[in-house]
Amino acid sequence: MTLTNDNNQTRRGLNGWRIAGWGAVAAILLAPAVAMQFTNEVAWTASDFLFAGLLLVGAGALVELAVWKARSTPVRIALVLGVLAAVALVWIEGAVGIFH
């Protein structure tokens, strides 16, 4: 599917970056589920998967919004890096509780 905008530029609805991003979200959520089958060291509960899913899908939606709305590439990159940094901070805090 190819979309055209006012500048007569073409943009693909599902390009490689989007597939890679959403695939990474799925892989990150799938990794602990697979690890739990092989070791007792990983013991996620349903609430852990729910928290991680909401965090990652929410971040993915914010990245999609930033890439869609930001006009310049440097701004897009800055916004995406900001979202990724925030996700990393929340993930680390949830895992080990640095700020307690």
PDB file of N, CA and C in Angstrom:
ATOM      1  N   MET A   1       0.843  -1.174   0.000  1.00  0.00           N
ATOM      2  CA  MET A   1       0.000   0.000   0.000  1.00  0.00           C
ATOM      3  C   MET A   1       0.886   1.233   0.000  1.00  0.00           C
ATOM      4  N   THR A   2       0.684   2.135  -0.933  1.00  0.00           N
ATOM      5  CA  THR A   2       1.468   3.352  -1.031  1.00  0.00           C
ATOM      6  C   THR A   2       0.546   4.547  -0.904  1.00  0.00           C
ATOM      7  N   LEU A   3       0.938   5.466  -0.039  1.00  0.00           N
ATOM      8  CA  LEU A   3       0.167   6.683   0.168  1.00  0.00           C
ATOM      9  C   LEU A   3       0.951   7.857  -0.393  1.00  0.00           C
ATOM     10  N   THR A   4       0.264   8.859  -0.909  1.00  0.00           N
ATOM     11  CA  THR A   4       0.934  10.074  -1.370  1.00  0.00           C
ATOM     12  C   THR A   4       0.419  11.241  -0.554  1.00  0.00           C
ATOM     13  N   ASN A   5       1.321  12.186  -0.274  1.00  0.00           N
ATOM     14  CA  ASN A   5       0.905  13.375   0.458  1.00  0.00           C
ATOM     15  C   ASN A   5       0.940  14.582  -0.469  1.00  0.00           C
ATOM     16  N   ASP A   6       0.761  15.788   0.090  1.00  0.00           N
ATOM     17  CA  ASP A   6       0.676  16.999  -0.727  1.00  0.00           C
ATOM     18  C   ASP A   6       1.952  17.291  -1.497  1.00  0.00           C
ATOM     19  N   ASN A   7       3.104  16.868  -0.995  1.00  0.00           N
ATOM     20  CA  ASN A   7       4.375  17.138  -1.656  1.00  0.00           C
ATOM     21  C   ASN A   7       4.673  16.102  -2.732  1.00  0.00           C
ATOM     22  N   ASN A   8       3.722  15.225  -3.011  1.00  0.00           N
ATOM     23  CA  ASN A   8       3.853  14.188  -4.020  1.00  0.00           C
ATOM     24  C   ASN A   8       4.963  13.188  -3.677  1.00  0.00           C
ATOM     25  N   GLN A   9       5.255  13.072  -2.381  1.00  0.00           N
ATOM     26  CA  GLN A   9       6.224  12.089  -1.913  1.00  0.00           C
ATOM     27  C   GLN A   9       5.454  10.828  -1.557  1.00  0.00           C
ATOM     28  N   THR A  10       6.075   9.699  -1.723  1.00  0.00           N
ATOM     29  CA  THR A  10       5.401   8.455  -1.379  1.00  0.00           C
ATOM     30  C   THR A  10       5.888   7.964  -0.030  1.00  0.00           C
ATOM     31  N   ARG A  11       4.950   7.416   0.737  1.00  0.00           N
ATOM     32  CA  ARG A  11       5.254   6.816   2.027  1.00  0.00           C
ATOM     33  C   ARG A  11       4.552   5.475   2.072  1.00  0.00           C
ATOM     34  N   ARG A  12       5.224   4.487   2.526  1.00  0.00           N
ATOM     35  CA  ARG A  12       4.621   3.164   2.626  1.00  0.00           C
ATOM     36  C   ARG A  12       3.960   3.008   3.986  1.00  0.00           C
ATOM     37  N   GLY A  13       2.816   2.371   4.002  1.00  0.00           N
ATOM     38  CA  GLY A  13       2.089   2.160   5.244  1.00  0.00           C
ATOM     39  C   GLY A  13       2.825   1.248   6.208  1.00  0.00           C
ATOM     40  N   LEU A  14       3.430   0.189   5.729  1.00  0.00           N
ATOM     41  CA  LEU A  14       4.191  -0.724   6.580  1.00  0.00           C
ATOM     42  C   LEU A  14       5.603  -0.834   6.049  1.00  0.00           C
ATOM     43  N   ASN A  15       6.449   0.072   6.467  1.00  0.00           N
ATOM     44  CA  ASN A  15       7.825   0.011   5.996  1.00  0.00           C
ATOM     45  C   ASN A  15       8.678  -0.811   6.952  1.00  0.00           C
ATOM     46  N   GLY A  16       9.923  -0.991   6.622  1.00  0.00           N
ATOM     47  CA  GLY A  16      10.816  -1.837   7.404  1.00  0.00           C
ATOM     48  C   GLY A  16      11.011  -1.392   8.836  1.00  0.00           C
ATOM     49  N   TRP A  17      11.078  -0.079   9.062  1.00  0.00           N
ATOM     50  CA  TRP A  17      11.267   0.420  10.426  1.00  0.00           C
ATOM     51  C   TRP A  17      10.079   0.106  11.311  1.00  0.00           C
ATOM     52  N   ARG A  18       8.885   0.260  10.767  1.00  0.00           N
ATOM     53  CA  ARG A  18       7.681  -0.037  11.561  1.00  0.00           C
ATOM     54  C   ARG A  18       7.596  -1.514  11.886  1.00  0.00           C
ATOM     55  N   ILE A  19       7.882  -2.352  10.910  1.00  0.00           N
ATOM     56  CA  ILE A  19       7.849  -3.798  11.143  1.00  0.00           C
ATOM     57  C   ILE A  19       8.897  -4.183  12.180  1.00  0.00           C
ATOM     58  N   ALA A  20      10.101  -3.614  12.066  1.00  0.00           N
ATOM     59  CA  ALA A  20      11.161  -3.909  13.030  1.00  0.00           C
ATOM     60  C   ALA A  20      10.785  -3.430  14.433  1.00  0.00           C
ATOM     61  N   GLY A  21      10.197  -2.259  14.533  1.00  0.00           N
ATOM     62  CA  GLY A  21       9.813  -1.716  15.839  1.00  0.00           C
ATOM     63  C   GLY A  21       8.754  -2.548  16.535  1.00  0.00           C
ATOM     64  N   TRP A  22       7.681  -2.854  15.816  1.00  0.00           N
ATOM     65  CA  TRP A  22       6.620  -3.656  16.420  1.00  0.00           C
ATOM     66  C   TRP A  22       7.062  -5.105  16.620  1.00  0.00           C
ATOM     67  N   GLY A  23       7.955  -5.581  15.762  1.00  0.00           N
ATOM     68  CA  GLY A  23       8.522  -6.908  15.967  1.00  0.00           C
ATOM     69  C   GLY A  23       9.383  -6.955  17.220  1.00  0.00           C
ATOM     70  N   ALA A  24      10.115  -5.884  17.491  1.00  0.00           N
ATOM     71  CA  ALA A  24      10.919  -5.801  18.708  1.00  0.00           C
ATOM     72  C   ALA A  24      10.035  -5.796  19.947  1.00  0.00           C
ATOM     73  N   VAL A  25       8.926  -5.087  19.894  1.00  0.00           N
ATOM     74  CA  VAL A  25       7.982  -5.092  21.018  1.00  0.00           C
ATOM     75  C   VAL A  25       7.496  -6.516  21.281  1.00  0.00           C
ATOM     76  N   ALA A  26       7.116  -7.218  20.228  1.00  0.00           N
ATOM     77  CA  ALA A  26       6.649  -8.596  20.377  1.00  0.00           C
ATOM     78  C   ALA A  26       7.751  -9.498  20.912  1.00  0.00           C
ATOM     79  N   ALA A  27       8.973  -9.335  20.411  1.00  0.00           N
ATOM     80  CA  ALA A  27      10.086 -10.176  20.858  1.00  0.00           C
ATOM     81  C   ALA A  27      10.420  -9.923  22.324  1.00  0.00           C
ATOM     82  N   ILE A  28      10.381  -8.664  22.746  1.00  0.00           N
ATOM     83  CA  ILE A  28      10.674  -8.341  24.145  1.00  0.00           C
ATOM     84  C   ILE A  28       9.626  -8.947  25.058  1.00  0.00           C
ATOM     85  N   LEU A  29       8.369  -8.948  24.636  1.00  0.00           N
ATOM     86  CA  LEU A  29       7.316  -9.561  25.456  1.00  0.00           C
ATOM     87  C   LEU A  29       7.371 -11.081  25.416  1.00  0.00           C
ATOM     88  N   LEU A  30       7.830 -11.633  24.321  1.00  0.00           N
ATOM     89  CA  LEU A  30       7.889 -13.073  24.180  1.00  0.00           C
ATOM     90  C   LEU A  30       9.091 -13.688  24.907  1.00  0.00           C
ATOM     91  N   ALA A  31      10.185 -12.945  25.027  1.00  0.00           N
ATOM     92  CA  ALA A  31      11.416 -13.472  25.623  1.00  0.00           C
ATOM     93  C   ALA A  31      11.222 -14.026  27.039  1.00  0.00           C
ATOM     94  N   PRO A  32      10.568 -13.311  27.961  1.00  0.00           N
ATOM     95  CA  PRO A  32      10.394 -13.882  29.295  1.00  0.00           C
ATOM     96  C   PRO A  32       9.461 -15.100  29.294  1.00  0.00           C
ATOM     97  N   ALA A  33       8.469 -15.102  28.421  1.00  0.00           N
ATOM     98  CA  ALA A  33       7.565 -16.251  28.345  1.00  0.00           C
ATOM     99  C   ALA A  33       8.325 -17.501  27.916  1.00  0.00           C
ATOM    100  N   VAL A  34       9.230 -17.352  26.974  1.00  0.00           N
ATOM    101  CA  VAL A  34      10.046 -18.486  26.531  1.00  0.00           C
ATOM    102  C   VAL A  34      11.040 -18.875  27.623  1.00  0.00           C
ATOM    103  N   ALA A  35      11.676 -17.879  28.234  1.00  0.00           N
ATOM    104  CA  ALA A  35      12.656 -18.164  29.283  1.00  0.00           C
ATOM    105  C   ALA A  35      12.030 -18.895  30.463  1.00  0.00           C
ATOM    106  N   MET A  36      10.783 -18.591  30.775  1.00  0.00           N
ATOM    107  CA  MET A  36      10.102 -19.252  31.891  1.00  0.00           C
ATOM    108  C   MET A  36       9.919 -20.747  31.642  1.00  0.00           C
ATOM    109  N   GLN A  37       9.965 -21.169  30.388  1.00  0.00           N
ATOM    110  CA  GLN A  37       9.815 -22.587  30.067  1.00  0.00           C
ATOM    111  C   GLN A  37      11.099 -23.369  30.353  1.00  0.00           C
ATOM    112  N   PHE A  38      12.234 -22.677  30.456  1.00  0.00           N
ATOM    113  CA  PHE A  38      13.526 -23.339  30.589  1.00  0.00           C
ATOM    114  C   PHE A  38      14.214 -23.124  31.925  1.00  0.00           C
ATOM    115  N   THR A  39      13.796 -22.112  32.684  1.00  0.00           N
ATOM    116  CA  THR A  39      14.474 -21.833  33.944  1.00  0.00           C
ATOM    117  C   THR A  39      13.488 -21.288  34.969  1.00  0.00           C
ATOM    118  N   ASN A  40      13.807 -21.512  36.227  1.00  0.00           N
ATOM    119  CA  ASN A  40      12.999 -20.956  37.313  1.00  0.00           C
ATOM    120  C   ASN A  40      13.476 -19.564  37.714  1.00  0.00           C
ATOM    121  N   GLU A  41      14.567 -19.106  37.111  1.00  0.00           N
ATOM    122  CA  GLU A  41      15.108 -17.790  37.411  1.00  0.00           C
ATOM    123  C   GLU A  41      14.205 -16.665  36.899  1.00  0.00           C
ATOM    124  N   VAL A  42      13.446 -16.949  35.877  1.00  0.00           N
ATOM    125  CA  VAL A  42      12.500 -15.968  35.327  1.00  0.00           C
ATOM    126  C   VAL A  42      11.118 -16.380  35.791  1.00  0.00           C
ATOM    127  N   ALA A  43      10.473 -15.509  36.547  1.00  0.00           N
ATOM    128  CA  ALA A  43       9.159 -15.844  37.112  1.00  0.00           C
ATOM    129  C   ALA A  43       8.230 -14.638  36.998  1.00  0.00           C
ATOM    130  N   TRP A  44       7.798 -14.347  35.798  1.00  0.00           N
ATOM    131  CA  TRP A  44       6.885 -13.241  35.585  1.00  0.00           C
ATOM    132  C   TRP A  44       5.456 -13.681  35.883  1.00  0.00           C
ATOM    133  N   THR A  45       4.678 -12.758  36.429  1.00  0.00           N
ATOM    134  CA  THR A  45       3.257 -13.004  36.655  1.00  0.00           C
ATOM    135  C   THR A  45       2.467 -12.340  35.532  1.00  0.00           C
ATOM    136  N   ALA A  46       1.177 -12.558  35.530  1.00  0.00           N
ATOM    137  CA  ALA A  46       0.317 -11.926  34.522  1.00  0.00           C
ATOM    138  C   ALA A  46       0.403 -10.405  34.620  1.00  0.00           C
ATOM    139  N   SER A  47       0.513  -9.889  35.847  1.00  0.00           N
ATOM    140  CA  SER A  47       0.610  -8.436  36.004  1.00  0.00           C
ATOM    141  C   SER A  47       1.931  -7.898  35.449  1.00  0.00           C
ATOM    142  N   ASP A  48       3.002  -8.687  35.516  1.00  0.00           N
ATOM    143  CA  ASP A  48       4.268  -8.273  34.914  1.00  0.00           C
ATOM    144  C   ASP A  48       4.132  -8.145  33.400  1.00  0.00           C
ATOM    145  N   PHE A  49       3.482  -9.141  32.787  1.00  0.00           N
ATOM    146  CA  PHE A  49       3.276  -9.086  31.334  1.00  0.00           C
ATOM    147  C   PHE A  49       2.347  -7.930  30.957  1.00  0.00           C
ATOM    148  N   LEU A  50       1.339  -7.685  31.768  1.00  0.00           N
ATOM    149  CA  LEU A  50       0.427  -6.574  31.504  1.00  0.00           C
ATOM    150  C   LEU A  50       1.161  -5.240  31.583  1.00  0.00           C
ATOM    151  N   PHE A  51       1.969  -5.065  32.632  1.00  0.00           N
ATOM    152  CA  PHE A  51       2.741  -3.838  32.796  1.00  0.00           C
ATOM    153  C   PHE A  51       3.695  -3.635  31.622  1.00  0.00           C
ATOM    154  N   ALA A  52       4.444  -4.677  31.280  1.00  0.00           N
ATOM    155  CA  ALA A  52       5.399  -4.581  30.179  1.00  0.00           C
ATOM    156  C   ALA A  52       4.683  -4.318  28.855  1.00  0.00           C
ATOM    157  N   GLY A  53       3.564  -4.985  28.641  1.00  0.00           N
ATOM    158  CA  GLY A  53       2.804  -4.790  27.413  1.00  0.00           C
ATOM    159  C   GLY A  53       2.286  -3.371  27.280  1.00  0.00           C
ATOM    160  N   LEU A  54       1.719  -2.845  28.363  1.00  0.00           N
ATOM    161  CA  LEU A  54       1.226  -1.463  28.324  1.00  0.00           C
ATOM    162  C   LEU A  54       2.365  -0.479  28.104  1.00  0.00           C
ATOM    163  N   LEU A  55       3.481  -0.711  28.770  1.00  0.00           N
ATOM    164  CA  LEU A  55       4.637   0.176  28.621  1.00  0.00           C
ATOM    165  C   LEU A  55       5.160   0.156  27.194  1.00  0.00           C
ATOM    166  N   LEU A  56       5.347  -1.025  26.639  1.00  0.00           N
ATOM    167  CA  LEU A  56       5.937  -1.137  25.307  1.00  0.00           C
ATOM    168  C   LEU A  56       4.979  -0.713  24.195  1.00  0.00           C
ATOM    169  N   VAL A  57       3.722  -1.086  24.303  1.00  0.00           N
ATOM    170  CA  VAL A  57       2.750  -0.677  23.281  1.00  0.00           C
ATOM    171  C   VAL A  57       2.514   0.835  23.363  1.00  0.00           C
ATOM    172  N   GLY A  58       2.458   1.375  24.575  1.00  0.00           N
ATOM    173  CA  GLY A  58       2.319   2.826  24.732  1.00  0.00           C
ATOM    174  C   GLY A  58       3.501   3.571  24.152  1.00  0.00           C
ATOM    175  N   ALA A  59       4.702   3.053  24.396  1.00  0.00           N
ATOM    176  CA  ALA A  59       5.898   3.675  23.827  1.00  0.00           C
ATOM    177  C   ALA A  59       5.895   3.566  22.304  1.00  0.00           C
ATOM    178  N   GLY A  60       5.490   2.417  21.799  1.00  0.00           N
ATOM    179  CA  GLY A  60       5.403   2.247  20.348  1.00  0.00           C
ATOM    180  C   GLY A  60       4.424   3.223  19.728  1.00  0.00           C
ATOM    181  N   ALA A  61       3.298   3.434  20.391  1.00  0.00           N
ATOM    182  CA  ALA A  61       2.315   4.394  19.891  1.00  0.00           C
ATOM    183  C   ALA A  61       2.871   5.814  19.921  1.00  0.00           C
ATOM    184  N   LEU A  62       3.618   6.153  20.975  1.00  0.00           N
ATOM    185  CA  LEU A  62       4.234   7.478  21.041  1.00  0.00           C
ATOM    186  C   LEU A  62       5.284   7.666  19.951  1.00  0.00           C
ATOM    187  N   VAL A  63       6.046   6.625  19.674  1.00  0.00           N
ATOM    188  CA  VAL A  63       7.037   6.704  18.594  1.00  0.00           C
ATOM    189  C   VAL A  63       6.332   6.887  17.255  1.00  0.00           C
ATOM    190  N   GLU A  64       5.267   6.121  17.023  1.00  0.00           N
ATOM    191  CA  GLU A  64       4.501   6.278  15.778  1.00  0.00           C
ATOM    192  C   GLU A  64       3.994   7.719  15.647  1.00  0.00           C
ATOM    193  N   LEU A  65       3.466   8.266  16.732  1.00  0.00           N
ATOM    194  CA  LEU A  65       2.945   9.632  16.718  1.00  0.00           C
ATOM    195  C   LEU A  65       4.056  10.643  16.448  1.00  0.00           C
ATOM    196  N   ALA A  66       5.196  10.459  17.097  1.00  0.00           N
ATOM    197  CA  ALA A  66       6.318  11.377  16.914  1.00  0.00           C
ATOM    198  C   ALA A  66       6.817  11.349  15.473  1.00  0.00           C
ATOM    199  N   VAL A  67       6.943  10.172  14.899  1.00  0.00           N
ATOM    200  CA  VAL A  67       7.428  10.058  13.522  1.00  0.00           C
ATOM    201  C   VAL A  67       6.410  10.627  12.547  1.00  0.00           C
ATOM    202  N   TRP A  68       5.134  10.459  12.855  1.00  0.00           N
ATOM    203  CA  TRP A  68       4.073  10.944  11.978  1.00  0.00           C
ATOM    204  C   TRP A  68       3.953  12.473  12.027  1.00  0.00           C
ATOM    205  N   LYS A  69       4.034  13.047  13.220  1.00  0.00           N
ATOM    206  CA  LYS A  69       3.776  14.478  13.375  1.00  0.00           C
ATOM    207  C   LYS A  69       5.009  15.358  13.214  1.00  0.00           C
ATOM    208  N   ALA A  70       6.175  14.885  13.605  1.00  0.00           N
ATOM    209  CA  ALA A  70       7.383  15.722  13.528  1.00  0.00           C
ATOM    210  C   ALA A  70       7.784  15.900  12.068  1.00  0.00           C
ATOM    211  N   ARG A  71       8.141  17.102  11.709  1.00  0.00           N
ATOM    212  CA  ARG A  71       8.443  17.400  10.311  1.00  0.00           C
ATOM    213  C   ARG A  71       9.913  17.171   9.961  1.00  0.00           C
ATOM    214  N   SER A  72      10.805  17.401  10.884  1.00  0.00           N
ATOM    215  CA  SER A  72      12.226  17.279  10.549  1.00  0.00           C
ATOM    216  C   SER A  72      12.815  16.011  11.169  1.00  0.00           C
ATOM    217  N   THR A  73      13.794  15.470  10.494  1.00  0.00           N
ATOM    218  CA  THR A  73      14.432  14.233  10.946  1.00  0.00           C
ATOM    219  C   THR A  73      15.121  14.388  12.299  1.00  0.00           C
ATOM    220  N   PRO A  74      15.854  15.473  12.561  1.00  0.00           N
ATOM    221  CA  PRO A  74      16.479  15.600  13.884  1.00  0.00           C
ATOM    222  C   PRO A  74      15.458  15.622  15.033  1.00  0.00           C
ATOM    223  N   VAL A  75      14.328  16.257  14.799  1.00  0.00           N
ATOM    224  CA  VAL A  75      13.288  16.289  15.827  1.00  0.00           C
ATOM    225  C   VAL A  75      12.711  14.886  16.030  1.00  0.00           C
ATOM    226  N   ARG A  76      12.484  14.173  14.948  1.00  0.00           N
ATOM    227  CA  ARG A  76      11.994  12.793  15.049  1.00  0.00           C
ATOM    228  C   ARG A  76      12.952  11.931  15.853  1.00  0.00           C
ATOM    229  N   ILE A  77      14.235  12.033  15.529  1.00  0.00           N
ATOM    230  CA  ILE A  77      15.238  11.229  16.227  1.00  0.00           C
ATOM    231  C   ILE A  77      15.264  11.584  17.709  1.00  0.00           C
ATOM    232  N   ALA A  78      15.220  12.869  18.030  1.00  0.00           N
ATOM    233  CA  ALA A  78      15.238  13.304  19.426  1.00  0.00           C
ATOM    234  C   ALA A  78      14.019  12.779  20.184  1.00  0.00           C
ATOM    235  N   LEU A  79      12.856  12.858  19.569  1.00  0.00           N
ATOM    236  CA  LEU A  79      11.647  12.377  20.228  1.00  0.00           C
ATOM    237  C   LEU A  79      11.684  10.866  20.444  1.00  0.00           C
ATOM    238  N   VAL A  80      12.139  10.130  19.434  1.00  0.00           N
ATOM    239  CA  VAL A  80      12.226   8.668  19.565  1.00  0.00           C
ATOM    240  C   VAL A  80      13.228   8.298  20.649  1.00  0.00           C
ATOM    241  N   LEU A  81      14.377   8.956  20.681  1.00  0.00           N
ATOM    242  CA  LEU A  81      15.365   8.670  21.720  1.00  0.00           C
ATOM    243  C   LEU A  81      14.840   9.028  23.108  1.00  0.00           C
ATOM    244  N   GLY A  82      14.072  10.103  23.201  1.00  0.00           N
ATOM    245  CA  GLY A  82      13.461  10.469  24.478  1.00  0.00           C
ATOM    246  C   GLY A  82      12.480   9.420  24.965  1.00  0.00           C
ATOM    247  N   VAL A  83      11.655   8.916  24.055  1.00  0.00           N
ATOM    248  CA  VAL A  83      10.704   7.851  24.428  1.00  0.00           C
ATOM    249  C   VAL A  83      11.459   6.599  24.857  1.00  0.00           C
ATOM    250  N   LEU A  84      12.482   6.219  24.110  1.00  0.00           N
ATOM    251  CA  LEU A  84      13.264   5.027  24.457  1.00  0.00           C
ATOM    252  C   LEU A  84      13.961   5.188  25.809  1.00  0.00           C
ATOM    253  N   ALA A  85      14.481   6.374  26.095  1.00  0.00           N
ATOM    254  CA  ALA A  85      15.126   6.629  27.384  1.00  0.00           C
ATOM    255  C   ALA A  85      14.118   6.529  28.527  1.00  0.00           C
ATOM    256  N   ALA A  86      12.931   7.068  28.320  1.00  0.00           N
ATOM    257  CA  ALA A  86      11.896   6.986  29.350  1.00  0.00           C
ATOM    258  C   ALA A  86      11.476   5.541  29.597  1.00  0.00           C
ATOM    259  N   VAL A  87      11.327   4.770  28.531  1.00  0.00           N
ATOM    260  CA  VAL A  87      10.972   3.351  28.675  1.00  0.00           C
ATOM    261  C   VAL A  87      12.068   2.610  29.425  1.00  0.00           C
ATOM    262  N   ALA A  88      13.325   2.861  29.073  1.00  0.00           N
ATOM    263  CA  ALA A  88      14.431   2.203  29.759  1.00  0.00           C
ATOM    264  C   ALA A  88      14.444   2.550  31.244  1.00  0.00           C
ATOM    265  N   LEU A  89      14.205   3.799  31.582  1.00  0.00           N
ATOM    266  CA  LEU A  89      14.192   4.225  32.978  1.00  0.00           C
ATOM    267  C   LEU A  89      13.074   3.544  33.749  1.00  0.00           C
ATOM    268  N   VAL A  90      11.875   3.506  33.185  1.00  0.00           N
ATOM    269  CA  VAL A  90      10.746   2.858  33.859  1.00  0.00           C
ATOM    270  C   VAL A  90      10.988   1.354  33.970  1.00  0.00           C
ATOM    271  N   TRP A  91      11.528   0.742  32.915  1.00  0.00           N
ATOM    272  CA  TRP A  91      11.796  -0.703  32.920  1.00  0.00           C
ATOM    273  C   TRP A  91      12.819  -1.050  34.003  1.00  0.00           C
ATOM    274  N   ILE A  92      13.905  -0.274  34.092  1.00  0.00           N
ATOM    275  CA  ILE A  92      14.936  -0.525  35.094  1.00  0.00           C
ATOM    276  C   ILE A  92      14.383  -0.328  36.486  1.00  0.00           C
ATOM    277  N   GLU A  93      13.602   0.704  36.670  1.00  0.00           N
ATOM    278  CA  GLU A  93      13.000   0.953  37.987  1.00  0.00           C
ATOM    279  C   GLU A  93      12.077  -0.205  38.376  1.00  0.00           C
ATOM    280  N   GLY A  94      11.296  -0.683  37.415  1.00  0.00           N
ATOM    281  CA  GLY A  94      10.405  -1.807  37.703  1.00  0.00           C
ATOM    282  C   GLY A  94      11.163  -3.083  38.007  1.00  0.00           C
ATOM    283  N   ALA A  95      12.315  -3.254  37.399  1.00  0.00           N
ATOM    284  CA  ALA A  95      13.086  -4.489  37.572  1.00  0.00           C
ATOM    285  C   ALA A  95      13.865  -4.515  38.878  1.00  0.00           C
ATOM    286  N   VAL A  96      14.551  -3.435  39.209  1.00  0.00           N
ATOM    287  CA  VAL A  96      15.436  -3.466  40.364  1.00  0.00           C
ATOM    288  C   VAL A  96      15.160  -2.382  41.399  1.00  0.00           C
ATOM    289  N   GLY A  97      14.319  -1.443  41.101  1.00  0.00           N
ATOM    290  CA  GLY A  97      13.955  -0.420  42.088  1.00  0.00           C
ATOM    291  C   GLY A  97      15.097   0.487  42.493  1.00  0.00           C
ATOM    292  N   ILE A  98      15.712   1.137  41.539  1.00  0.00           N
ATOM    293  CA  ILE A  98      16.845   2.017  41.819  1.00  0.00           C
ATOM    294  C   ILE A  98      16.450   3.181  42.726  1.00  0.00           C
ATOM    295  N   PHE A  99      15.266   3.715  42.576  1.00  0.00           N
ATOM    296  CA  PHE A  99      14.886   4.935  43.280  1.00  0.00           C
ATOM    297  C   PHE A  99      14.182   4.688  44.605  1.00  0.00           C
ATOM    298  N   HIS A 100      14.276   3.500  45.144  1.00  0.00           N
ATOM    299  CA  HIS A 100      13.659   3.230  46.449  1.00  0.00           C
ATOM    300  C   HIS A 100      14.558   3.637  47.562  1.00  0.00           C
TER     301      HIS A 100
END
